[in-house]
């Protein structure tokens, strides 16, 4: 199974950017996903626009966040920002396994600032 991200069930999205932050002791972490042109809001998917969260799906299962915000310009969707929060090392490691699979499937790279 290929790792994928969805905002509406059944509609795969292409992430524009992912920003990671982590506390110095590793106890809390966040991933902020930016999707500039969500597929679920395109005219081709007009019947599937119920955004109920950000779903990260791979062979291990599913990671979900409901912290999703839409940006609109002149009444039209202009982007989505979703924040996934993690507690502890095990959640961080699971997330990183997902991101490795997603990055490989979508030709993404990692830039450390």
Protein backbone atom coordinates (compact mmCIF):
# COMPACT_ATOMS: atom_id res chain seq x y z
CA UNK A 1 0.00 0.00 0.00
CA UNK A 2 1.24 3.44 -0.92
CA UNK A 3 1.22 6.07 1.82
CA UNK A 4 -1.40 8.73 1.13
CA UNK A 5 -2.98 11.78 2.69
CA UNK A 6 -6.67 12.58 2.42
CA UNK A 7 -8.91 15.41 3.63
CA UNK A 8 -12.09 13.81 2.31
CA UNK A 9 -12.34 10.03 2.28
CA UNK A 10 -11.36 8.59 -1.09
CA UNK A 11 -9.67 11.74 -2.47
CA UNK A 12 -5.86 11.69 -2.29
CA UNK A 13 -4.14 15.01 -1.72
CA UNK A 14 -0.73 16.35 -2.69
CA UNK A 15 0.95 18.11 0.20
CA UNK A 16 2.77 21.34 -0.69
CA UNK A 17 4.80 21.61 2.52
CA UNK A 18 5.25 19.94 5.91
CA UNK A 19 6.82 21.78 8.85
CA UNK A 20 8.01 19.86 11.89
CA UNK A 21 8.67 21.14 15.39
CA UNK A 22 9.81 19.17 18.42
CA UNK A 23 10.44 20.12 22.02
CA UNK A 24 14.03 19.80 23.24
CA UNK A 25 13.17 16.84 25.47
CA UNK A 26 11.16 15.12 22.69
CA UNK A 27 7.98 14.96 24.75
CA UNK A 28 5.83 16.97 22.31
CA UNK A 29 6.00 17.46 18.56
CA UNK A 30 3.86 18.99 15.84
CA UNK A 31 3.61 18.58 12.09
CA UNK A 32 1.95 21.34 10.09
CA UNK A 33 0.72 20.32 6.64
CA UNK A 34 0.10 22.87 3.89
CA UNK A 35 -2.04 21.86 0.91
CA UNK A 36 -2.22 24.73 -1.56
CA UNK A 37 -4.73 23.31 -4.04
CA UNK A 38 -6.78 20.58 -2.34
CA UNK A 39 -8.18 17.99 -4.74
CA UNK A 40 -11.27 17.49 -2.58
CA UNK A 41 -12.43 21.06 -3.33
CA UNK A 42 -11.91 20.90 -7.09
CA UNK A 43 -14.93 20.96 -9.38
CA UNK A 44 -14.25 17.32 -10.35
CA UNK A 45 -14.92 16.28 -6.74
CA UNK A 46 -17.86 18.57 -6.01
CA UNK A 47 -19.79 15.79 -4.29
CA UNK A 48 -16.91 14.84 -1.98
CA UNK A 49 -16.09 18.13 -0.29
CA UNK A 50 -16.80 17.16 3.33
CA UNK A 51 -13.45 17.74 4.98
CA UNK A 52 -13.62 15.87 8.28
CA UNK A 53 -9.91 15.84 9.13
CA UNK A 54 -6.49 15.03 7.72
CA UNK A 55 -5.99 11.29 7.30
CA UNK A 56 -2.50 9.84 6.88
CA UNK A 57 -2.92 6.28 5.61
CA UNK A 58 -0.27 3.59 5.13
CA UNK A 59 0.22 -0.14 5.67
CA UNK A 60 0.45 0.34 9.45
CA UNK A 61 -2.96 1.98 9.64
CA UNK A 62 -4.14 5.55 9.94
CA UNK A 63 -3.05 8.72 11.74
CA UNK A 64 -5.73 11.41 12.06
CA UNK A 65 -5.98 15.05 13.06
CA UNK A 66 -9.16 17.09 13.19
CA UNK A 67 -7.21 20.36 13.51
CA UNK A 68 -7.80 21.52 9.91
CA UNK A 69 -8.26 25.11 8.74
CA UNK A 70 -9.19 26.35 5.27
CA UNK A 71 -8.04 29.58 3.66
CA UNK A 72 -10.39 31.33 1.22
CA UNK A 73 -9.72 34.11 -1.27
CA UNK A 74 -12.77 35.77 -2.86
CA UNK A 75 -14.97 32.94 -1.57
CA UNK A 76 -12.93 30.18 -3.21
CA UNK A 77 -10.75 27.64 -1.39
CA UNK A 78 -7.12 28.75 -1.55
CA UNK A 79 -5.44 26.25 0.73
CA UNK A 80 -5.63 24.02 3.77
CA UNK A 81 -3.48 23.97 6.89
CA UNK A 82 -3.65 20.97 9.22
CA UNK A 83 -1.76 20.48 12.49
CA UNK A 84 -0.97 17.00 13.84
CA UNK A 85 0.21 16.90 17.47
CA UNK A 86 2.29 14.06 18.90
CA UNK A 87 3.07 13.12 22.49
CA UNK A 88 6.19 11.11 23.28
CA UNK A 89 8.76 9.16 21.34
CA UNK A 90 6.51 6.34 20.08
CA UNK A 91 4.04 8.72 18.37
CA UNK A 92 6.97 10.64 16.82
CA UNK A 93 8.54 7.44 15.50
CA UNK A 94 5.24 6.22 14.03
CA UNK A 95 4.72 9.58 12.33
CA UNK A 96 8.26 9.56 10.91
CA UNK A 97 7.73 6.04 9.48
CA UNK A 98 4.62 7.37 7.73
CA UNK A 99 6.45 10.44 6.45
CA UNK A 100 9.32 8.34 5.10
CA UNK A 101 6.83 6.27 3.10
CA UNK A 102 4.87 9.34 1.96
CA UNK A 103 8.03 11.22 0.95
CA UNK A 104 9.29 8.25 -1.05
CA UNK A 105 5.96 7.81 -2.83
CA UNK A 106 5.70 11.54 -3.67
CA UNK A 107 9.31 12.52 -4.39
CA UNK A 108 9.57 14.79 -1.33
CA UNK A 109 12.79 15.68 0.47
CA UNK A 110 13.77 16.84 3.94
CA UNK A 111 15.47 20.18 4.59
CA UNK A 112 16.77 20.80 8.09
CA UNK A 113 16.91 24.47 9.04
